[in-house]
């Protein structure tokens, strides 16, 4: 679908996440039609073997992952956020 707005794409995506409460998923896949949880990582962290669907409330962060060349960045792309409740649930 052509983008025909007079604003930069990143401003439109930020509007959707900031004002309309959408989440953004950054992927380099151009023909992605379905999002489903998968896990291709080989890391050994606590979340290393979980199937995940990653999304962000920050459109710029999602765009970063959409254009990132992970083969050139190595471990610079490692990140996670684990939130636990008072009863220990994640």
Protein backbone atom coordinates (compact mmCIF):
# COMPACT_ATOMS: atom_id res chain seq x y z
CA UNK A 1 0.00 0.00 0.00
CA UNK A 2 1.50 3.38 -0.97
CA UNK A 3 2.17 5.89 1.78
CA UNK A 4 0.54 9.13 0.66
CA UNK A 5 0.60 11.31 3.77
CA UNK A 6 2.47 14.61 3.95
CA UNK A 7 4.35 13.41 7.08
CA UNK A 8 7.40 11.16 7.44
CA UNK A 9 6.53 7.50 8.05
CA UNK A 10 8.17 7.50 11.47
CA UNK A 11 5.89 10.36 12.61
CA UNK A 12 2.80 8.47 11.45
CA UNK A 13 3.92 5.28 13.20
CA UNK A 14 4.70 7.23 16.38
CA UNK A 15 1.21 8.76 16.21
CA UNK A 16 -0.31 5.27 16.05
CA UNK A 17 1.67 4.01 19.05
CA UNK A 18 1.52 7.20 21.13
CA UNK A 19 -2.03 8.35 20.48
CA UNK A 20 -3.95 5.27 19.36
CA UNK A 21 -2.27 2.69 21.66
CA UNK A 22 -1.05 0.40 18.88
CA UNK A 23 2.04 -1.74 19.30
CA UNK A 24 4.64 -1.97 16.56
CA UNK A 25 6.57 -5.05 15.47
CA UNK A 26 9.85 -4.44 13.66
CA UNK A 27 10.75 -7.06 11.10
CA UNK A 28 12.91 -7.00 7.96
CA UNK A 29 10.43 -9.39 6.30
CA UNK A 30 8.64 -7.48 3.54
CA UNK A 31 5.76 -9.92 2.89
CA UNK A 32 4.85 -10.66 6.51
CA UNK A 33 1.10 -11.32 6.77
CA UNK A 34 0.78 -13.25 10.06
CA UNK A 35 2.59 -12.72 13.34
CA UNK A 36 3.12 -15.82 15.43
CA UNK A 37 5.38 -16.66 18.33
CA UNK A 38 8.63 -18.38 17.34
CA UNK A 39 12.10 -18.68 18.84
CA UNK A 40 15.23 -18.87 16.71
CA UNK A 41 17.66 -17.56 19.29
CA UNK A 42 20.43 -19.72 20.68
CA UNK A 43 20.99 -17.67 23.82
CA UNK A 44 21.22 -19.23 27.27
CA UNK A 45 19.34 -16.60 29.25
CA UNK A 46 16.17 -17.33 31.24
CA UNK A 47 14.00 -16.37 28.27
CA UNK A 48 16.27 -18.06 25.74
CA UNK A 49 14.01 -20.99 24.96
CA UNK A 50 10.61 -19.28 25.03
CA UNK A 51 8.50 -18.62 21.97
CA UNK A 52 7.89 -14.89 21.83
CA UNK A 53 6.12 -12.30 19.77
CA UNK A 54 7.90 -9.01 20.27
CA UNK A 55 6.17 -5.66 19.97
CA UNK A 56 6.92 -2.17 21.25
CA UNK A 57 4.90 0.85 22.22
CA UNK A 58 7.74 2.92 20.72
CA UNK A 59 7.54 2.96 16.91
CA UNK A 60 11.15 4.11 16.52
CA UNK A 61 12.40 1.09 18.48
CA UNK A 62 10.37 -1.25 16.25
CA UNK A 63 11.76 0.51 13.15
CA UNK A 64 15.29 -0.06 14.48
CA UNK A 65 14.70 -3.82 14.46
CA UNK A 66 13.10 -3.69 11.03
CA UNK A 67 16.22 -2.18 9.44
CA UNK A 68 18.91 -3.70 11.68
CA UNK A 69 21.44 -5.97 9.99
CA UNK A 70 21.95 -8.42 12.87
CA UNK A 71 24.71 -10.26 11.00
CA UNK A 72 26.89 -7.15 11.35
CA UNK A 73 25.92 -6.18 14.90
CA UNK A 74 26.73 -9.35 16.88
CA UNK A 75 25.86 -9.14 20.58
CA UNK A 76 24.90 -5.46 20.36
CA UNK A 77 21.32 -6.56 19.71
CA UNK A 78 20.91 -8.51 22.96
CA UNK A 79 18.19 -7.11 25.18
CA UNK A 80 15.24 -8.19 27.25
CA UNK A 81 12.93 -6.99 29.95
CA UNK A 82 11.47 -9.39 32.48
CA UNK A 83 8.82 -8.07 34.82
CA UNK A 84 7.89 -10.10 37.90
CA UNK A 85 4.92 -9.50 40.17
CA UNK A 86 5.17 -9.62 43.97
CA UNK A 87 4.10 -13.29 43.89
CA UNK A 88 6.97 -14.18 41.52
CA UNK A 89 4.95 -14.53 38.30
CA UNK A 90 6.45 -13.19 35.09
